[in-house]
Amino acid sequence: APLSALGSARMLDDLSSIQYPQGIKSPNPELNSNAEPGKFKYDRTFLMQFMTVCKEKPENLPALEAI
């Protein structure tokens, strides 16, 4: 399933145009106030919301405790 989702994913140009499902907080807008289209930063709180869903990680990703 994850590969199917990636295959149909599209690039984002504007984070403020995304409507997240109820209960999902959007990324911190201050991190992206001057971001170029498609070049965004995501805060830890935003990313941690998906911890139980996204279980695969790159081999070179440091341990969570180290971040």
N, C-alpha and C. Protein backbone atom coordinates (compact mmCIF):
# COMPACT_ATOMS: atom_id res chain seq x y z
N ALA A 1 0.80 -1.21 0.00
CA ALA A 1 0.00 0.00 0.00
C ALA A 1 0.84 1.27 0.00
N PRO A 2 1.96 1.35 0.78
CA PRO A 2 2.72 2.58 0.78
C PRO A 2 3.26 2.95 -0.60
N LEU A 3 3.69 1.97 -1.39
CA LEU A 3 4.20 2.29 -2.71
C LEU A 3 3.11 2.80 -3.62
N SER A 4 1.89 2.32 -3.48
CA SER A 4 0.78 2.82 -4.27
C SER A 4 0.50 4.27 -3.95
N ALA A 5 0.55 4.62 -2.67
CA ALA A 5 0.31 6.00 -2.26
C ALA A 5 1.41 6.91 -2.81
N LEU A 6 2.65 6.46 -2.76
CA LEU A 6 3.74 7.27 -3.29
C LEU A 6 3.62 7.45 -4.80
N GLY A 7 3.16 6.43 -5.47
CA GLY A 7 3.01 6.51 -6.91
C GLY A 7 1.97 7.51 -7.36
N SER A 8 0.97 7.76 -6.52
CA SER A 8 -0.08 8.71 -6.87
C SER A 8 0.08 10.05 -6.15
N ALA A 9 1.17 10.21 -5.38
CA ALA A 9 1.40 11.47 -4.65
C ALA A 9 1.71 12.59 -5.62
N ARG A 10 1.38 13.82 -5.22
CA ARG A 10 1.69 14.98 -6.04
C ARG A 10 2.48 15.99 -5.22
N MET A 11 3.27 16.81 -5.89
CA MET A 11 4.06 17.84 -5.22
C MET A 11 3.14 18.92 -4.68
N LEU A 12 3.50 19.47 -3.54
CA LEU A 12 2.76 20.57 -2.94
C LEU A 12 3.43 21.88 -3.28
N ASP A 13 2.64 22.87 -3.67
CA ASP A 13 3.17 24.20 -3.93
C ASP A 13 2.86 25.15 -2.79
N ASP A 14 1.77 24.89 -2.07
CA ASP A 14 1.31 25.80 -1.03
C ASP A 14 0.75 25.00 0.14
N LEU A 15 1.46 24.99 1.26
CA LEU A 15 1.01 24.22 2.42
C LEU A 15 -0.31 24.73 2.98
N SER A 16 -0.58 26.02 2.83
CA SER A 16 -1.82 26.57 3.39
C SER A 16 -3.06 26.11 2.62
N SER A 17 -2.87 25.53 1.44
CA SER A 17 -4.01 25.05 0.65
C SER A 17 -4.45 23.64 1.05
N ILE A 18 -3.69 23.00 1.93
CA ILE A 18 -3.99 21.62 2.33
C ILE A 18 -4.99 21.62 3.48
N GLN A 19 -6.04 20.82 3.33
CA GLN A 19 -7.01 20.63 4.41
C GLN A 19 -6.74 19.27 5.04
N TYR A 20 -6.33 19.29 6.29
CA TYR A 20 -6.03 18.05 7.00
C TYR A 20 -7.29 17.49 7.63
N PRO A 21 -7.37 16.18 7.79
CA PRO A 21 -8.54 15.57 8.44
C PRO A 21 -8.67 16.07 9.88
N GLN A 22 -9.88 15.96 10.40
CA GLN A 22 -10.13 16.37 11.78
C GLN A 22 -9.18 15.62 12.71
N GLY A 23 -8.58 16.35 13.63
CA GLY A 23 -7.66 15.76 14.58
C GLY A 23 -6.20 15.81 14.16
N ILE A 24 -5.92 16.20 12.91
CA ILE A 24 -4.55 16.31 12.42
C ILE A 24 -4.19 17.80 12.36
N LYS A 25 -3.13 18.17 13.08
CA LYS A 25 -2.68 19.55 13.09
C LYS A 25 -1.76 19.80 11.91
N SER A 26 -1.86 20.98 11.32
CA SER A 26 -1.00 21.34 10.19
C SER A 26 0.41 21.68 10.69
N PRO A 27 1.38 21.71 9.78
CA PRO A 27 2.74 22.09 10.17
C PRO A 27 2.77 23.53 10.68
N ASN A 28 3.76 23.85 11.49
CA ASN A 28 3.93 25.19 12.03
C ASN A 28 4.13 26.17 10.87
N PRO A 29 3.20 27.11 10.65
CA PRO A 29 3.31 28.03 9.50
C PRO A 29 4.54 28.94 9.57
N GLU A 30 5.04 29.22 10.77
CA GLU A 30 6.21 30.09 10.91
C GLU A 30 7.45 29.47 10.26
N LEU A 31 7.52 28.15 10.22
CA LEU A 31 8.67 27.49 9.61
C LEU A 31 8.73 27.69 8.11
N ASN A 32 7.60 28.01 7.51
CA ASN A 32 7.52 28.08 6.05
C ASN A 32 7.06 29.43 5.53
N SER A 33 7.19 30.48 6.34
CA SER A 33 6.70 31.79 5.92
C SER A 33 7.41 32.31 4.66
N ASN A 34 8.66 31.96 4.46
CA ASN A 34 9.41 32.40 3.27
C ASN A 34 9.86 31.22 2.41
N ALA A 35 9.17 30.12 2.52
CA ALA A 35 9.57 28.91 1.79
C ALA A 35 9.29 29.04 0.30
N GLU A 36 10.19 28.49 -0.48
CA GLU A 36 9.97 28.41 -1.93
C GLU A 36 8.92 27.34 -2.19
N PRO A 37 8.16 27.45 -3.29
CA PRO A 37 7.17 26.42 -3.60
C PRO A 37 7.81 25.03 -3.64
N GLY A 38 7.21 24.10 -2.92
CA GLY A 38 7.69 22.73 -2.90
C GLY A 38 8.84 22.47 -1.94
N LYS A 39 9.33 23.49 -1.25
CA LYS A 39 10.45 23.36 -0.31
C LYS A 39 9.95 23.71 1.09
N PHE A 40 9.54 22.73 1.84
CA PHE A 40 8.92 22.99 3.14
C PHE A 40 9.68 22.33 4.27
N LYS A 41 9.49 22.89 5.47
CA LYS A 41 10.03 22.32 6.70
C LYS A 41 8.85 21.86 7.54
N TYR A 42 9.01 20.73 8.20
CA TYR A 42 7.95 20.18 9.04
C TYR A 42 8.46 20.06 10.46
N ASP A 43 7.67 20.53 11.41
CA ASP A 43 8.08 20.47 12.81
C ASP A 43 7.83 19.07 13.37
N ARG A 44 8.51 18.80 14.46
CA ARG A 44 8.46 17.47 15.09
C ARG A 44 7.03 17.09 15.49
N THR A 45 6.28 18.05 16.05
CA THR A 45 4.91 17.77 16.49
C THR A 45 4.05 17.29 15.32
N PHE A 46 4.19 17.95 14.17
CA PHE A 46 3.43 17.55 12.98
C PHE A 46 3.81 16.14 12.57
N LEU A 47 5.10 15.87 12.47
CA LEU A 47 5.56 14.56 12.01
C LEU A 47 5.20 13.44 12.98
N MET A 48 5.24 13.71 14.27
CA MET A 48 4.96 12.68 15.27
C MET A 48 3.51 12.19 15.20
N GLN A 49 2.61 12.98 14.61
CA GLN A 49 1.22 12.54 14.45
C GLN A 49 1.11 11.29 13.59
N PHE A 50 2.10 11.04 12.76
CA PHE A 50 2.06 9.93 11.81
C PHE A 50 2.93 8.75 12.23
N MET A 51 3.46 8.81 13.45
CA MET A 51 4.38 7.79 13.94
C MET A 51 3.77 6.39 13.90
N THR A 52 2.49 6.26 14.21
CA THR A 52 1.88 4.93 14.23
C THR A 52 1.50 4.44 12.84
N VAL A 53 1.45 5.35 11.87
CA VAL A 53 1.07 4.99 10.51
C VAL A 53 2.29 4.71 9.64
N CYS A 54 3.29 5.56 9.73
CA CYS A 54 4.51 5.44 8.93
C CYS A 54 5.56 4.72 9.74
N LYS A 55 5.75 3.46 9.46
CA LYS A 55 6.67 2.65 10.26
C LYS A 55 7.98 2.36 9.56
N GLU A 56 8.02 2.51 8.24
CA GLU A 56 9.26 2.27 7.51
C GLU A 56 10.12 3.52 7.60
N LYS A 57 11.43 3.33 7.73
CA LYS A 57 12.33 4.48 7.81
C LYS A 57 13.62 4.17 7.08
N PRO A 58 14.27 5.21 6.59
CA PRO A 58 15.55 5.00 5.91
C PRO A 58 16.59 4.41 6.85
N GLU A 59 17.52 3.65 6.30
CA GLU A 59 18.56 3.02 7.11
C GLU A 59 19.43 4.04 7.84
N ASN A 60 19.65 5.21 7.24
CA ASN A 60 20.54 6.20 7.83
C ASN A 60 19.83 7.18 8.78
N LEU A 61 18.57 6.96 9.07
CA LEU A 61 17.83 7.83 9.98
C LEU A 61 18.28 7.57 11.41
N PRO A 62 18.66 8.64 12.15
CA PRO A 62 19.10 8.42 13.54
C PRO A 62 17.94 7.99 14.43
N ALA A 63 18.27 7.41 15.56
CA ALA A 63 17.26 6.99 16.53
C ALA A 63 16.48 8.21 17.01
N LEU A 64 15.21 8.03 17.32
CA LEU A 64 14.34 9.11 17.76
C LEU A 64 14.92 9.85 18.96
N GLU A 65 15.55 9.13 19.86
CA GLU A 65 16.12 9.75 21.06
C GLU A 65 17.25 10.71 20.71
N ALA A 66 17.89 10.51 19.56
CA ALA A 66 19.02 11.35 19.16
C ALA A 66 18.58 12.64 18.46
N ILE A 67 17.32 12.71 18.10
CA ILE A 67 16.83 13.88 17.36
C ILE A 67 16.41 14.97 18.32
